[in-house]
Amino acid sequence: MGMILEEFNSDDSFELPSTATYIINQNGVITAGYADVDQSKRMDPLDTIHAVQSLKSR
C-alpha cells in the first residue's frame, strides 16, 4: 500500500489501528461496545441504534 509502518508509527512495533465502536452514557460508562482486529468488520448499525435508544429508557 506504499506505507512503511516503521516510519508511520515512529518505531518498529508494526502496530495497526483496529476499529471499535463504543456507546457511552452521560456518566461516562460504556454501555455497549464492539471491537475487531479485522477492519472490515464493524458494529451492526441496528445494534448501534438500539444501544443508543436504550440510553433514553434508563
PDB file of N, CA and C in Angstrom:
ATOM      1  N   MET A   1       0.822  -1.192   0.000  1.00  0.00           N
ATOM      2  CA  MET A   1       0.000   0.000   0.000  1.00  0.00           C
ATOM      3  C   MET A   1       0.868   1.258   0.000  1.00  0.00           C
ATOM      4  N   GLY A   2       2.171   1.085  -0.024  1.00  0.00           N
ATOM      5  CA  GLY A   2       3.056   2.227  -0.102  1.00  0.00           C
ATOM      6  C   GLY A   2       3.384   2.859   1.238  1.00  0.00           C
ATOM      7  N   MET A   3       2.954   2.263   2.345  1.00  0.00           N
ATOM      8  CA  MET A   3       3.228   2.828   3.656  1.00  0.00           C
ATOM      9  C   MET A   3       4.299   1.981   4.353  1.00  0.00           C
ATOM     10  N   ILE A   4       5.264   2.649   4.923  1.00  0.00           N
ATOM     11  CA  ILE A   4       6.295   1.963   5.693  1.00  0.00           C
ATOM     12  C   ILE A   4       5.919   2.118   7.165  1.00  0.00           C
ATOM     13  N   LEU A   5       5.498   1.012   7.795  1.00  0.00           N
ATOM     14  CA  LEU A   5       4.970   1.074   9.152  1.00  0.00           C
ATOM     15  C   LEU A   5       5.953   1.656  10.152  1.00  0.00           C
ATOM     16  N   GLU A   6       7.225   1.339  10.003  1.00  0.00           N
ATOM     17  CA  GLU A   6       8.206   1.864  10.955  1.00  0.00           C
ATOM     18  C   GLU A   6       8.210   3.395  10.929  1.00  0.00           C
ATOM     19  N   GLU A   7       8.060   3.982   9.744  1.00  0.00           N
ATOM     20  CA  GLU A   7       8.032   5.437   9.643  1.00  0.00           C
ATOM     21  C   GLU A   7       6.694   5.995  10.124  1.00  0.00           C
ATOM     22  N   PHE A   8       5.604   5.327   9.780  1.00  0.00           N
ATOM     23  CA  PHE A   8       4.269   5.786  10.183  1.00  0.00           C
ATOM     24  C   PHE A   8       4.124   5.755  11.700  1.00  0.00           C
ATOM     25  N   ASN A   9       4.596   4.670  12.340  1.00  0.00           N
ATOM     26  CA  ASN A   9       4.463   4.516  13.792  1.00  0.00           C
ATOM     27  C   ASN A   9       5.597   5.174  14.571  1.00  0.00           C
ATOM     28  N   SER A  10       6.645   5.562  13.878  1.00  0.00           N
ATOM     29  CA  SER A  10       7.846   6.126  14.519  1.00  0.00           C
ATOM     30  C   SER A  10       8.528   5.122  15.446  1.00  0.00           C
ATOM     31  N   ASP A  11       8.312   3.838  15.201  1.00  0.00           N
ATOM     32  CA  ASP A  11       9.008   2.780  15.942  1.00  0.00           C
ATOM     33  C   ASP A  11       8.899   1.492  15.128  1.00  0.00           C
ATOM     34  N   ASP A  12       9.361   0.388  15.688  1.00  0.00           N
ATOM     35  CA  ASP A  12       9.310  -0.876  14.951  1.00  0.00           C
ATOM     36  C   ASP A  12       8.238  -1.817  15.513  1.00  0.00           C
ATOM     37  N   SER A  13       7.141  -1.256  16.011  1.00  0.00           N
ATOM     38  CA  SER A  13       6.099  -2.066  16.655  1.00  0.00           C
ATOM     39  C   SER A  13       5.205  -2.813  15.666  1.00  0.00           C
ATOM     40  N   PHE A  14       5.144  -2.354  14.426  1.00  0.00           N
ATOM     41  CA  PHE A  14       4.277  -2.954  13.413  1.00  0.00           C
ATOM     42  C   PHE A  14       2.819  -3.012  13.855  1.00  0.00           C
ATOM     43  N   GLU A  15       2.397  -2.052  14.685  1.00  0.00           N
ATOM     44  CA  GLU A  15       1.011  -1.998  15.142  1.00  0.00           C
ATOM     45  C   GLU A  15       0.139  -1.343  14.082  1.00  0.00           C
ATOM     46  N   LEU A  16      -1.075  -1.841  13.982  1.00  0.00           N
ATOM     47  CA  LEU A  16      -2.075  -1.265  13.097  1.00  0.00           C
ATOM     48  C   LEU A  16      -3.292  -0.874  13.931  1.00  0.00           C
ATOM     49  N   PRO A  17      -3.991   0.189  13.535  1.00  0.00           N
ATOM     50  CA  PRO A  17      -5.198   0.551  14.284  1.00  0.00           C
ATOM     51  C   PRO A  17      -6.286  -0.489  14.075  1.00  0.00           C
ATOM     52  N   SER A  18      -7.137  -0.649  15.062  1.00  0.00           N
ATOM     53  CA  SER A  18      -8.287  -1.524  14.905  1.00  0.00           C
ATOM     54  C   SER A  18      -9.548  -0.701  15.119  1.00  0.00           C
ATOM     55  N   THR A  19     -10.603  -1.090  14.467  1.00  0.00           N
ATOM     56  CA  THR A  19     -11.850  -0.346  14.578  1.00  0.00           C
ATOM     57  C   THR A  19     -12.578  -0.722  15.858  1.00  0.00           C
ATOM     58  N   ALA A  20     -13.285   0.234  16.395  1.00  0.00           N
ATOM     59  CA  ALA A  20     -14.079  -0.011  17.596  1.00  0.00           C
ATOM     60  C   ALA A  20     -15.229   0.984  17.637  1.00  0.00           C
ATOM     61  N   THR A  21     -16.317   0.540  18.218  1.00  0.00           N
ATOM     62  CA  THR A  21     -17.469   1.405  18.454  1.00  0.00           C
ATOM     63  C   THR A  21     -17.829   1.271  19.924  1.00  0.00           C
ATOM     64  N   TYR A  22     -17.992   2.406  20.583  1.00  0.00           N
ATOM     65  CA  TYR A  22     -18.402   2.413  21.986  1.00  0.00           C
ATOM     66  C   TYR A  22     -19.597   3.339  22.139  1.00  0.00           C
ATOM     67  N   ILE A  23     -20.587   2.884  22.884  1.00  0.00           N
ATOM     68  CA  ILE A  23     -21.723   3.718  23.257  1.00  0.00           C
ATOM     69  C   ILE A  23     -21.491   4.067  24.722  1.00  0.00           C
ATOM     70  N   ILE A  24     -21.386   5.360  24.987  1.00  0.00           N
ATOM     71  CA  ILE A  24     -21.030   5.835  26.323  1.00  0.00           C
ATOM     72  C   ILE A  24     -22.156   6.712  26.849  1.00  0.00           C
ATOM     73  N   ASN A  25     -22.626   6.409  28.058  1.00  0.00           N
ATOM     74  CA  ASN A  25     -23.719   7.205  28.611  1.00  0.00           C
ATOM     75  C   ASN A  25     -23.190   8.526  29.174  1.00  0.00           C
ATOM     76  N   GLN A  26     -24.097   9.350  29.674  1.00  0.00           N
ATOM     77  CA  GLN A  26     -23.708  10.674  30.146  1.00  0.00           C
ATOM     78  C   GLN A  26     -22.844  10.635  31.400  1.00  0.00           C
ATOM     79  N   ASN A  27     -22.773   9.492  32.060  1.00  0.00           N
ATOM     80  CA  ASN A  27     -21.907   9.339  33.224  1.00  0.00           C
ATOM     81  C   ASN A  27     -20.525   8.818  32.847  1.00  0.00           C
ATOM     82  N   GLY A  28     -20.301   8.634  31.550  1.00  0.00           N
ATOM     83  CA  GLY A  28     -19.012   8.158  31.073  1.00  0.00           C
ATOM     84  C   GLY A  28     -18.849   6.646  31.129  1.00  0.00           C
ATOM     85  N   VAL A  29     -19.947   5.933  31.305  1.00  0.00           N
ATOM     86  CA  VAL A  29     -19.913   4.475  31.389  1.00  0.00           C
ATOM     87  C   VAL A  29     -20.183   3.891  30.003  1.00  0.00           C
ATOM     88  N   ILE A  30     -19.343   2.951  29.581  1.00  0.00           N
ATOM     89  CA  ILE A  30     -19.561   2.267  28.312  1.00  0.00           C
ATOM     90  C   ILE A  30     -20.709   1.282  28.498  1.00  0.00           C
ATOM     91  N   THR A  31     -21.779   1.492  27.751  1.00  0.00           N
ATOM     92  CA  THR A  31     -22.952   0.627  27.879  1.00  0.00           C
ATOM     93  C   THR A  31     -23.033  -0.408  26.762  1.00  0.00           C
ATOM     94  N   ALA A  32     -22.283  -0.208  25.692  1.00  0.00           N
ATOM     95  CA  ALA A  32     -22.223  -1.174  24.600  1.00  0.00           C
ATOM     96  C   ALA A  32     -20.916  -0.936  23.856  1.00  0.00           C
ATOM     97  N   GLY A  33     -20.399  -1.992  23.275  1.00  0.00           N
ATOM     98  CA  GLY A  33     -19.163  -1.826  22.535  1.00  0.00           C
ATOM     99  C   GLY A  33     -18.915  -2.969  21.578  1.00  0.00           C
ATOM    100  N   TYR A  34     -18.079  -2.672  20.604  1.00  0.00           N
ATOM    101  CA  TYR A  34     -17.701  -3.678  19.630  1.00  0.00           C
ATOM    102  C   TYR A  34     -16.310  -3.333  19.133  1.00  0.00           C
ATOM    103  N   ALA A  35     -15.442  -4.330  19.083  1.00  0.00           N
ATOM    104  CA  ALA A  35     -14.096  -4.143  18.541  1.00  0.00           C
ATOM    105  C   ALA A  35     -13.693  -5.418  17.823  1.00  0.00           C
ATOM    106  N   ASP A  36     -12.940  -5.256  16.742  1.00  0.00           N
ATOM    107  CA  ASP A  36     -12.470  -6.406  15.985  1.00  0.00           C
ATOM    108  C   ASP A  36     -11.181  -6.009  15.282  1.00  0.00           C
ATOM    109  N   VAL A  37     -10.218  -6.891  15.268  1.00  0.00           N
ATOM    110  CA  VAL A  37      -8.959  -6.588  14.593  1.00  0.00           C
ATOM    111  C   VAL A  37      -9.115  -6.577  13.080  1.00  0.00           C
ATOM    112  N   ASP A  38     -10.182  -7.170  12.584  1.00  0.00           N
ATOM    113  CA  ASP A  38     -10.480  -7.132  11.157  1.00  0.00           C
ATOM    114  C   ASP A  38     -11.184  -5.813  10.865  1.00  0.00           C
ATOM    115  N   GLN A  39     -10.489  -4.909  10.192  1.00  0.00           N
ATOM    116  CA  GLN A  39     -11.025  -3.569   9.974  1.00  0.00           C
ATOM    117  C   GLN A  39     -12.254  -3.547   9.082  1.00  0.00           C
ATOM    118  N   SER A  40     -12.541  -4.641   8.403  1.00  0.00           N
ATOM    119  CA  SER A  40     -13.728  -4.680   7.556  1.00  0.00           C
ATOM    120  C   SER A  40     -14.989  -5.021   8.348  1.00  0.00           C
ATOM    121  N   LYS A  41     -14.830  -5.401   9.607  1.00  0.00           N
ATOM    122  CA  LYS A  41     -15.975  -5.743  10.450  1.00  0.00           C
ATOM    123  C   LYS A  41     -16.272  -4.579  11.390  1.00  0.00           C
ATOM    124  N   ARG A  42     -17.528  -4.212  11.451  1.00  0.00           N
ATOM    125  CA  ARG A  42     -17.979  -3.098  12.298  1.00  0.00           C
ATOM    126  C   ARG A  42     -19.205  -3.524  13.084  1.00  0.00           C
ATOM    127  N   MET A  43     -19.516  -2.734  14.101  1.00  0.00           N
ATOM    128  CA  MET A  43     -20.743  -2.977  14.857  1.00  0.00           C
ATOM    129  C   MET A  43     -21.922  -2.813  13.901  1.00  0.00           C
ATOM    130  N   ASP A  44     -22.865  -3.731  13.978  1.00  0.00           N
ATOM    131  CA  ASP A  44     -24.041  -3.664  13.113  1.00  0.00           C
ATOM    132  C   ASP A  44     -24.773  -2.345  13.380  1.00  0.00           C
ATOM    133  N   PRO A  45     -25.122  -1.614  12.328  1.00  0.00           N
ATOM    134  CA  PRO A  45     -25.794  -0.327  12.523  1.00  0.00           C
ATOM    135  C   PRO A  45     -27.069  -0.419  13.369  1.00  0.00           C
ATOM    136  N   LEU A  46     -27.840  -1.489  13.197  1.00  0.00           N
ATOM    137  CA  LEU A  46     -29.053  -1.631  14.016  1.00  0.00           C
ATOM    138  C   LEU A  46     -28.711  -1.838  15.485  1.00  0.00           C
ATOM    139  N   ASP A  47     -27.641  -2.577  15.767  1.00  0.00           N
ATOM    140  CA  ASP A  47     -27.200  -2.749  17.155  1.00  0.00           C
ATOM    141  C   ASP A  47     -26.780  -1.403  17.748  1.00  0.00           C
ATOM    142  N   THR A  48     -26.125  -0.585  16.950  1.00  0.00           N
ATOM    143  CA  THR A  48     -25.709   0.739  17.410  1.00  0.00           C
ATOM    144  C   THR A  48     -26.935   1.591  17.737  1.00  0.00           C
ATOM    145  N   ILE A  49     -27.909   1.590  16.840  1.00  0.00           N
ATOM    146  CA  ILE A  49     -29.134   2.368  17.060  1.00  0.00           C
ATOM    147  C   ILE A  49     -29.865   1.895  18.308  1.00  0.00           C
ATOM    148  N   HIS A  50     -29.984   0.591  18.468  1.00  0.00           N
ATOM    149  CA  HIS A  50     -30.677   0.050  19.649  1.00  0.00           C
ATOM    150  C   HIS A  50     -29.936   0.411  20.932  1.00  0.00           C
ATOM    151  N   ALA A  51     -28.624   0.369  20.896  1.00  0.00           N
ATOM    152  CA  ALA A  51     -27.831   0.715  22.084  1.00  0.00           C
ATOM    153  C   ALA A  51     -28.033   2.174  22.470  1.00  0.00           C
ATOM    154  N   VAL A  52     -28.079   3.051  21.472  1.00  0.00           N
ATOM    155  CA  VAL A  52     -28.292   4.468  21.745  1.00  0.00           C
ATOM    156  C   VAL A  52     -29.723   4.692  22.255  1.00  0.00           C
ATOM    157  N   GLN A  53     -30.673   4.040  21.624  1.00  0.00           N
ATOM    158  CA  GLN A  53     -32.064   4.180  22.058  1.00  0.00           C
ATOM    159  C   GLN A  53     -32.266   3.674  23.470  1.00  0.00           C
ATOM    160  N   SER A  54     -31.519   2.650  23.867  1.00  0.00           N
ATOM    161  CA  SER A  54     -31.677   2.110  25.225  1.00  0.00           C
ATOM    162  C   SER A  54     -31.203   3.111  26.278  1.00  0.00           C
ATOM    163  N   LEU A  55     -30.365   4.046  25.896  1.00  0.00           N
ATOM    164  CA  LEU A  55     -29.918   5.067  26.840  1.00  0.00           C
ATOM    165  C   LEU A  55     -31.081   5.969  27.264  1.00  0.00           C
ATOM    166  N   LYS A  56     -32.034   6.174  26.373  1.00  0.00           N
ATOM    167  CA  LYS A  56     -33.177   7.027  26.661  1.00  0.00           C
ATOM    168  C   LYS A  56     -34.084   6.417  27.723  1.00  0.00           C
ATOM    169  N   SER A  57     -34.128   5.083  27.768  1.00  0.00           N
ATOM    170  CA  SER A  57     -35.039   4.415  28.706  1.00  0.00           C
ATOM    171  C   SER A  57     -34.421   4.224  30.082  1.00  0.00           C
ATOM    172  N   ARG A  58     -33.190   4.617  30.253  1.00  0.00           N
ATOM    173  CA  ARG A  58     -32.537   4.443  31.574  1.00  0.00           C
ATOM    174  C   ARG A  58     -32.644   5.675  32.420  1.00  0.00           C
TER     175      ARG A  58
END
